[in-house]
């Protein structure tokens, strides 16, 4: 598996695929560790990303719930807002764990992004966002996030009922680890400080144009 590993300091892209196979959001990460199955990466606040908007220009949160997965999406230039993230992405797990750090570098909480794993491709780890998420507080208490969106996503065909069942099971697994204070919720990584000399990870030149559909064509509904 050594050919799959990224070296510390390299940039790897976390790509969120849409159900039709096209790519929505793309987040560049600075590699900290990678054993060929589990990758640990860093994305500081302000890092340029490929974001997505509804085709009419609205953010998803600005649209009524029943519209969010039915209106086409377009990719847009954006940046990672507010918090810096340490991310653990395992190829065979239906989630990635994000450590959140505030502007002063203090750990605040974990956010567990439930995802459908799609494996790796050159320079990237590929996932489908699972809509449903889990928030884990510093004391190990946890809660579901975006449950209302998950139900709407099923109705819109964004997720299958079988996928949502698998994602819920993953969330329950995560919750059990959090309640026990087991890794990755045992304090590991909460004191992380990036090397101040590191530049922010960068997107490949021309990526946004490559992902944008030709003028006049649509974009499939997607969360990311």
C-alpha atoms as a PDB file:
ATOM      1  CA  UNK A   1       0.000   0.000   0.000  1.00  0.00           C
ATOM      2  CA  UNK A   2       3.030   2.285   0.088  1.00  0.00           C
ATOM      3  CA  UNK A   3       2.202   3.695  -3.361  1.00  0.00           C
ATOM      4  CA  UNK A   4      -1.067   5.003  -1.915  1.00  0.00           C
ATOM      5  CA  UNK A   5       0.569   6.993   0.847  1.00  0.00           C
ATOM      6  CA  UNK A   6       1.021  10.755   0.799  1.00  0.00           C
ATOM      7  CA  UNK A   7       4.129  12.183   2.412  1.00  0.00           C
ATOM      8  CA  UNK A   8       3.882  14.687   5.270  1.00  0.00           C
ATOM      9  CA  UNK A   9       3.748  18.209   3.885  1.00  0.00           C
ATOM     10  CA  UNK A  10       2.123  17.218   0.604  1.00  0.00           C
ATOM     11  CA  UNK A  11      -1.282  18.562  -0.381  1.00  0.00           C
ATOM     12  CA  UNK A  12      -4.139  16.121  -0.906  1.00  0.00           C
ATOM     13  CA  UNK A  13      -7.623  17.021  -2.103  1.00  0.00           C
ATOM     14  CA  UNK A  14     -10.740  15.868  -0.278  1.00  0.00           C
ATOM     15  CA  UNK A  15     -13.296  15.700  -3.083  1.00  0.00           C
ATOM     16  CA  UNK A  16     -17.031  15.446  -2.449  1.00  0.00           C
ATOM     17  CA  UNK A  17     -18.771  13.672  -5.309  1.00  0.00           C
ATOM     18  CA  UNK A  18     -22.370  14.110  -6.359  1.00  0.00           C
ATOM     19  CA  UNK A  19     -24.708  11.150  -6.912  1.00  0.00           C
ATOM     20  CA  UNK A  20     -24.267  11.496 -10.697  1.00  0.00           C
ATOM     21  CA  UNK A  21     -20.479  11.137 -10.346  1.00  0.00           C
ATOM     22  CA  UNK A  22     -19.610  14.806 -10.855  1.00  0.00           C
ATOM     23  CA  UNK A  23     -17.610  16.649  -8.212  1.00  0.00           C
ATOM     24  CA  UNK A  24     -18.984  19.371  -5.961  1.00  0.00           C
ATOM     25  CA  UNK A  25     -16.849  20.803  -3.186  1.00  0.00           C
ATOM     26  CA  UNK A  26     -13.091  20.255  -3.054  1.00  0.00           C
ATOM     27  CA  UNK A  27     -11.009  20.951   0.070  1.00  0.00           C
ATOM     28  CA  UNK A  28      -7.180  20.905  -0.055  1.00  0.00           C
ATOM     29  CA  UNK A  29      -5.493  19.426   3.036  1.00  0.00           C
ATOM     30  CA  UNK A  30      -1.895  19.555   4.239  1.00  0.00           C
ATOM     31  CA  UNK A  31      -0.868  15.943   4.931  1.00  0.00           C
ATOM     32  CA  UNK A  32       0.365  15.250   8.470  1.00  0.00           C
ATOM     33  CA  UNK A  33       0.308  11.442   8.471  1.00  0.00           C
ATOM     34  CA  UNK A  34      -0.796   8.735   6.047  1.00  0.00           C
ATOM     35  CA  UNK A  35      -0.406   4.974   6.367  1.00  0.00           C
ATOM     36  CA  UNK A  36      -2.205   4.182   3.116  1.00  0.00           C
ATOM     37  CA  UNK A  37      -5.580   3.663   4.837  1.00  0.00           C
ATOM     38  CA  UNK A  38      -5.943   6.505   7.332  1.00  0.00           C
ATOM     39  CA  UNK A  39      -4.954  10.016   6.361  1.00  0.00           C
ATOM     40  CA  UNK A  40      -4.566  12.897   8.812  1.00  0.00           C
ATOM     41  CA  UNK A  41      -4.678  16.347   7.242  1.00  0.00           C
ATOM     42  CA  UNK A  42      -4.925  20.028   8.116  1.00  0.00           C
ATOM     43  CA  UNK A  43      -6.966  22.833   6.577  1.00  0.00           C
ATOM     44  CA  UNK A  44      -6.508  26.270   8.161  1.00  0.00           C
ATOM     45  CA  UNK A  45      -9.196  28.935   8.149  1.00  0.00           C
ATOM     46  CA  UNK A  46      -8.985  31.057   5.012  1.00  0.00           C
ATOM     47  CA  UNK A  47      -7.781  28.226   2.747  1.00  0.00           C
ATOM     48  CA  UNK A  48      -9.180  28.586  -0.802  1.00  0.00           C
ATOM     49  CA  UNK A  49     -11.621  25.783  -1.667  1.00  0.00           C
ATOM     50  CA  UNK A  50     -14.017  24.879  -4.448  1.00  0.00           C
ATOM     51  CA  UNK A  51     -17.420  25.591  -2.932  1.00  0.00           C
ATOM     52  CA  UNK A  52     -20.945  25.157  -4.244  1.00  0.00           C
ATOM     53  CA  UNK A  53     -24.087  27.253  -4.410  1.00  0.00           C
ATOM     54  CA  UNK A  54     -27.584  26.783  -5.681  1.00  0.00           C
ATOM     55  CA  UNK A  55     -27.766  27.689  -9.350  1.00  0.00           C
ATOM     56  CA  UNK A  56     -29.740  30.841  -8.491  1.00  0.00           C
ATOM     57  CA  UNK A  57     -26.822  32.064  -6.341  1.00  0.00           C
ATOM     58  CA  UNK A  58     -28.220  31.255  -2.908  1.00  0.00           C
ATOM     59  CA  UNK A  59     -26.409  29.349  -0.199  1.00  0.00           C
ATOM     60  CA  UNK A  60     -28.130  26.081   0.616  1.00  0.00           C
ATOM     61  CA  UNK A  61     -29.089  27.341   4.075  1.00  0.00           C
ATOM     62  CA  UNK A  62     -30.913  30.284   2.494  1.00  0.00           C
ATOM     63  CA  UNK A  63     -33.326  28.021   0.611  1.00  0.00           C
ATOM     64  CA  UNK A  64     -36.417  26.431   2.171  1.00  0.00           C
ATOM     65  CA  UNK A  65     -35.705  22.906   3.345  1.00  0.00           C
ATOM     66  CA  UNK A  66     -37.854  21.280   0.680  1.00  0.00           C
ATOM     67  CA  UNK A  67     -35.839  23.001  -2.098  1.00  0.00           C
ATOM     68  CA  UNK A  68     -32.302  22.301  -0.929  1.00  0.00           C
ATOM     69  CA  UNK A  69     -31.792  19.005  -2.752  1.00  0.00           C
ATOM     70  CA  UNK A  70     -33.972  19.735  -5.778  1.00  0.00           C
ATOM     71  CA  UNK A  71     -32.369  22.890  -7.186  1.00  0.00           C
ATOM     72  CA  UNK A  72     -29.255  22.361  -9.357  1.00  0.00           C
ATOM     73  CA  UNK A  73     -25.844  23.334  -7.928  1.00  0.00           C
ATOM     74  CA  UNK A  74     -22.876  25.140  -9.413  1.00  0.00           C
ATOM     75  CA  UNK A  75     -19.286  25.224  -8.188  1.00  0.00           C
ATOM     76  CA  UNK A  76     -17.888  28.574  -7.054  1.00  0.00           C
ATOM     77  CA  UNK A  77     -14.595  29.892  -5.667  1.00  0.00           C
ATOM     78  CA  UNK A  78     -14.774  30.031  -1.886  1.00  0.00           C
ATOM     79  CA  UNK A  79     -12.599  29.678   1.193  1.00  0.00           C
ATOM     80  CA  UNK A  80     -12.729  27.643   4.398  1.00  0.00           C
ATOM     81  CA  UNK A  81     -14.522  29.860   6.916  1.00  0.00           C
ATOM     82  CA  UNK A  82     -13.929  30.638  10.593  1.00  0.00           C
ATOM     83  CA  UNK A  83     -12.454  27.408  12.017  1.00  0.00           C
ATOM     84  CA  UNK A  84      -9.280  25.490  11.241  1.00  0.00           C
ATOM     85  CA  UNK A  85      -9.678  21.718  10.984  1.00  0.00           C
ATOM     86  CA  UNK A  86      -7.602  18.655  11.689  1.00  0.00           C
ATOM     87  CA  UNK A  87      -9.223  15.803   9.739  1.00  0.00           C
ATOM     88  CA  UNK A  88      -8.964  12.040  10.068  1.00  0.00           C
ATOM     89  CA  UNK A  89     -10.150  10.245   6.934  1.00  0.00           C
ATOM     90  CA  UNK A  90     -10.145   6.444   6.872  1.00  0.00           C
ATOM     91  CA  UNK A  91     -10.663   4.795   3.485  1.00  0.00           C
ATOM     92  CA  UNK A  92     -13.014   2.127   4.853  1.00  0.00           C
ATOM     93  CA  UNK A  93     -15.075   4.208   7.314  1.00  0.00           C
ATOM     94  CA  UNK A  94     -18.354   6.002   6.576  1.00  0.00           C
ATOM     95  CA  UNK A  95     -17.236   9.143   8.365  1.00  0.00           C
ATOM     96  CA  UNK A  96     -14.374  11.568   8.762  1.00  0.00           C
ATOM     97  CA  UNK A  97     -13.579  13.155  12.114  1.00  0.00           C
ATOM     98  CA  UNK A  98     -12.871  16.887  12.172  1.00  0.00           C
ATOM     99  CA  UNK A  99     -11.186  18.606  15.133  1.00  0.00           C
ATOM    100  CA  UNK A 100     -12.321  22.272  15.239  1.00  0.00           C
ATOM    101  CA  UNK A 101      -9.934  25.027  16.373  1.00  0.00           C
ATOM    102  CA  UNK A 102     -10.878  28.673  16.880  1.00  0.00           C
ATOM    103  CA  UNK A 103      -8.986  31.730  15.638  1.00  0.00           C
ATOM    104  CA  UNK A 104      -6.626  31.548  18.627  1.00  0.00           C
ATOM    105  CA  UNK A 105      -5.782  27.899  17.927  1.00  0.00           C
ATOM    106  CA  UNK A 106      -7.858  26.505  20.811  1.00  0.00           C
ATOM    107  CA  UNK A 107      -9.686  23.230  20.332  1.00  0.00           C
ATOM    108  CA  UNK A 108     -13.460  23.683  20.573  1.00  0.00           C
ATOM    109  CA  UNK A 109     -15.151  20.388  19.624  1.00  0.00           C
ATOM    110  CA  UNK A 110     -15.305  17.529  17.126  1.00  0.00           C
ATOM    111  CA  UNK A 111     -17.546  17.422  14.084  1.00  0.00           C
ATOM    112  CA  UNK A 112     -18.040  14.038  12.473  1.00  0.00           C
ATOM    113  CA  UNK A 113     -18.961  14.308   8.817  1.00  0.00           C
ATOM    114  CA  UNK A 114     -20.828  11.146   7.854  1.00  0.00           C
ATOM    115  CA  UNK A 115     -19.793  10.134   4.349  1.00  0.00           C
ATOM    116  CA  UNK A 116     -19.904   7.365   1.769  1.00  0.00           C
ATOM    117  CA  UNK A 117     -16.265   6.365   1.079  1.00  0.00           C
ATOM    118  CA  UNK A 118     -15.260   6.086  -2.590  1.00  0.00           C
ATOM    119  CA  UNK A 119     -11.578   5.254  -2.167  1.00  0.00           C
ATOM    120  CA  UNK A 120      -8.592   7.213  -3.443  1.00  0.00           C
ATOM    121  CA  UNK A 121      -7.486   8.599  -6.760  1.00  0.00           C
ATOM    122  CA  UNK A 122      -4.182  10.280  -7.654  1.00  0.00           C
ATOM    123  CA  UNK A 123      -3.816  13.266  -5.351  1.00  0.00           C
ATOM    124  CA  UNK A 124      -7.255  12.912  -3.760  1.00  0.00           C
ATOM    125  CA  UNK A 125      -9.511  11.077  -1.353  1.00  0.00           C
ATOM    126  CA  UNK A 126     -13.035  10.740  -2.701  1.00  0.00           C
ATOM    127  CA  UNK A 127     -16.268  10.788  -0.696  1.00  0.00           C
ATOM    128  CA  UNK A 128     -20.000  11.426  -0.986  1.00  0.00           C
ATOM    129  CA  UNK A 129     -21.315  13.679   1.756  1.00  0.00           C
ATOM    130  CA  UNK A 130     -23.886  11.772   3.829  1.00  0.00           C
ATOM    131  CA  UNK A 131     -25.915  14.880   4.826  1.00  0.00           C
ATOM    132  CA  UNK A 132     -26.450  13.564   8.378  1.00  0.00           C
ATOM    133  CA  UNK A 133     -23.643  14.476  10.798  1.00  0.00           C
ATOM    134  CA  UNK A 134     -22.621  14.108  14.455  1.00  0.00           C
ATOM    135  CA  UNK A 135     -21.389  16.831  16.815  1.00  0.00           C
ATOM    136  CA  UNK A 136     -19.195  15.686  19.735  1.00  0.00           C
ATOM    137  CA  UNK A 137     -18.490  18.083  22.586  1.00  0.00           C
ATOM    138  CA  UNK A 138     -15.338  18.206  24.687  1.00  0.00           C
ATOM    139  CA  UNK A 139     -17.021  16.231  27.487  1.00  0.00           C
ATOM    140  CA  UNK A 140     -17.987  13.368  25.153  1.00  0.00           C
ATOM    141  CA  UNK A 141     -21.658  14.250  24.835  1.00  0.00           C
ATOM    142  CA  UNK A 142     -22.905  14.024  21.289  1.00  0.00           C
ATOM    143  CA  UNK A 143     -25.891  14.788  19.119  1.00  0.00           C
ATOM    144  CA  UNK A 144     -27.099  14.332  15.581  1.00  0.00           C
ATOM    145  CA  UNK A 145     -26.889  17.290  13.190  1.00  0.00           C
ATOM    146  CA  UNK A 146     -28.909  17.930  10.011  1.00  0.00           C
ATOM    147  CA  UNK A 147     -31.465  15.174  10.661  1.00  0.00           C
ATOM    148  CA  UNK A 148     -34.155  17.249   8.947  1.00  0.00           C
ATOM    149  CA  UNK A 149     -31.986  17.578   5.832  1.00  0.00           C
ATOM    150  CA  UNK A 150     -31.319  13.831   5.758  1.00  0.00           C
ATOM    151  CA  UNK A 151     -35.031  13.038   5.512  1.00  0.00           C
ATOM    152  CA  UNK A 152     -35.509  15.583   2.730  1.00  0.00           C
ATOM    153  CA  UNK A 153     -32.459  14.180   0.920  1.00  0.00           C
ATOM    154  CA  UNK A 154     -34.117  10.755   0.866  1.00  0.00           C
ATOM    155  CA  UNK A 155     -37.300  12.189  -0.644  1.00  0.00           C
ATOM    156  CA  UNK A 156     -35.263  14.023  -3.287  1.00  0.00           C
ATOM    157  CA  UNK A 157     -33.244  10.921  -4.220  1.00  0.00           C
ATOM    158  CA  UNK A 158     -30.007  12.418  -2.883  1.00  0.00           C
ATOM    159  CA  UNK A 159     -29.490   9.376  -0.626  1.00  0.00           C
ATOM    160  CA  UNK A 160     -31.038   5.931  -0.617  1.00  0.00           C
ATOM    161  CA  UNK A 161     -32.764   4.608   2.513  1.00  0.00           C
ATOM    162  CA  UNK A 162     -30.091   1.896   2.666  1.00  0.00           C
ATOM    163  CA  UNK A 163     -27.295   4.478   2.629  1.00  0.00           C
ATOM    164  CA  UNK A 164     -28.983   6.479   5.371  1.00  0.00           C
ATOM    165  CA  UNK A 165     -29.329   3.327   7.480  1.00  0.00           C
ATOM    166  CA  UNK A 166     -25.594   2.687   7.072  1.00  0.00           C
ATOM    167  CA  UNK A 167     -24.784   6.317   7.915  1.00  0.00           C
ATOM    168  CA  UNK A 168     -26.970   6.192  11.034  1.00  0.00           C
ATOM    169  CA  UNK A 169     -25.183   3.024  12.135  1.00  0.00           C
ATOM    170  CA  UNK A 170     -21.866   4.806  11.668  1.00  0.00           C
ATOM    171  CA  UNK A 171     -23.137   7.720  13.722  1.00  0.00           C
ATOM    172  CA  UNK A 172     -24.134   5.363  16.527  1.00  0.00           C
ATOM    173  CA  UNK A 173     -20.659   3.792  16.409  1.00  0.00           C
ATOM    174  CA  UNK A 174     -19.122   7.247  16.679  1.00  0.00           C
ATOM    175  CA  UNK A 175     -21.431   8.127  19.567  1.00  0.00           C
ATOM    176  CA  UNK A 176     -20.378   5.019  21.485  1.00  0.00           C
ATOM    177  CA  UNK A 177     -16.704   5.931  21.070  1.00  0.00           C
ATOM    178  CA  UNK A 178     -17.430   9.465  22.269  1.00  0.00           C
ATOM    179  CA  UNK A 179     -19.313   8.282  25.351  1.00  0.00           C
ATOM    180  CA  UNK A 180     -16.413   5.998  26.272  1.00  0.00           C
ATOM    181  CA  UNK A 181     -13.818   8.695  25.667  1.00  0.00           C
ATOM    182  CA  UNK A 182     -12.146   6.342  23.197  1.00  0.00           C
ATOM    183  CA  UNK A 183      -9.930   7.411  20.302  1.00  0.00           C
ATOM    184  CA  UNK A 184     -10.330   9.713  18.485  1.00  0.00           C
ATOM    185  CA  UNK A 185     -12.288  11.360  21.323  1.00  0.00           C
ATOM    186  CA  UNK A 186      -9.692  10.739  24.039  1.00  0.00           C
ATOM    187  CA  UNK A 187      -7.944  14.091  23.766  1.00  0.00           C
ATOM    188  CA  UNK A 188      -5.566  13.018  21.007  1.00  0.00           C
ATOM    189  CA  UNK A 189      -4.888  15.953  18.701  1.00  0.00           C
ATOM    190  CA  UNK A 190      -6.674  18.559  20.817  1.00  0.00           C
ATOM    191  CA  UNK A 191      -3.366  20.291  21.544  1.00  0.00           C
ATOM    192  CA  UNK A 192      -2.301  20.281  17.886  1.00  0.00           C
ATOM    193  CA  UNK A 193      -0.426  23.336  16.663  1.00  0.00           C
ATOM    194  CA  UNK A 194       0.556  23.677  12.999  1.00  0.00           C
ATOM    195  CA  UNK A 195       4.064  24.637  12.022  1.00  0.00           C
ATOM    196  CA  UNK A 196       3.875  28.440  11.669  1.00  0.00           C
ATOM    197  CA  UNK A 197       6.026  28.211   8.559  1.00  0.00           C
ATOM    198  CA  UNK A 198       3.539  26.079   6.665  1.00  0.00           C
ATOM    199  CA  UNK A 199       1.851  27.781   3.717  1.00  0.00           C
ATOM    200  CA  UNK A 200      -1.870  27.157   3.315  1.00  0.00           C
ATOM    201  CA  UNK A 201      -2.627  24.164   1.080  1.00  0.00           C
ATOM    202  CA  UNK A 202      -3.525  25.176  -2.450  1.00  0.00           C
ATOM    203  CA  UNK A 203      -5.937  24.018  -5.128  1.00  0.00           C
ATOM    204  CA  UNK A 204      -4.501  22.984  -8.489  1.00  0.00           C
ATOM    205  CA  UNK A 205      -4.533  25.801 -11.030  1.00  0.00           C
ATOM    206  CA  UNK A 206      -7.583  25.682 -13.297  1.00  0.00           C
ATOM    207  CA  UNK A 207      -9.521  23.210 -11.128  1.00  0.00           C
ATOM    208  CA  UNK A 208     -12.606  25.410 -10.806  1.00  0.00           C
ATOM    209  CA  UNK A 209     -12.861  25.853 -14.560  1.00  0.00           C
ATOM    210  CA  UNK A 210     -12.367  22.125 -15.050  1.00  0.00           C
ATOM    211  CA  UNK A 211     -15.274  21.321 -12.727  1.00  0.00           C
ATOM    212  CA  UNK A 212     -17.636  23.987 -14.055  1.00  0.00           C
ATOM    213  CA  UNK A 213     -20.200  22.728 -16.587  1.00  0.00           C
ATOM    214  CA  UNK A 214     -20.206  24.282 -20.066  1.00  0.00           C
ATOM    215  CA  UNK A 215     -22.293  27.423 -20.357  1.00  0.00           C
ATOM    216  CA  UNK A 216     -25.982  26.611 -20.600  1.00  0.00           C
ATOM    217  CA  UNK A 217     -25.765  23.143 -19.041  1.00  0.00           C
ATOM    218  CA  UNK A 218     -27.119  22.222 -15.650  1.00  0.00           C
ATOM    219  CA  UNK A 219     -25.553  20.768 -12.536  1.00  0.00           C
ATOM    220  CA  UNK A 220     -27.006  17.843 -10.618  1.00  0.00           C
ATOM    221  CA  UNK A 221     -28.398  18.489  -7.141  1.00  0.00           C
ATOM    222  CA  UNK A 222     -25.854  17.814  -4.442  1.00  0.00           C
ATOM    223  CA  UNK A 223     -25.076  18.586  -0.843  1.00  0.00           C
ATOM    224  CA  UNK A 224     -21.395  19.351  -1.384  1.00  0.00           C
END
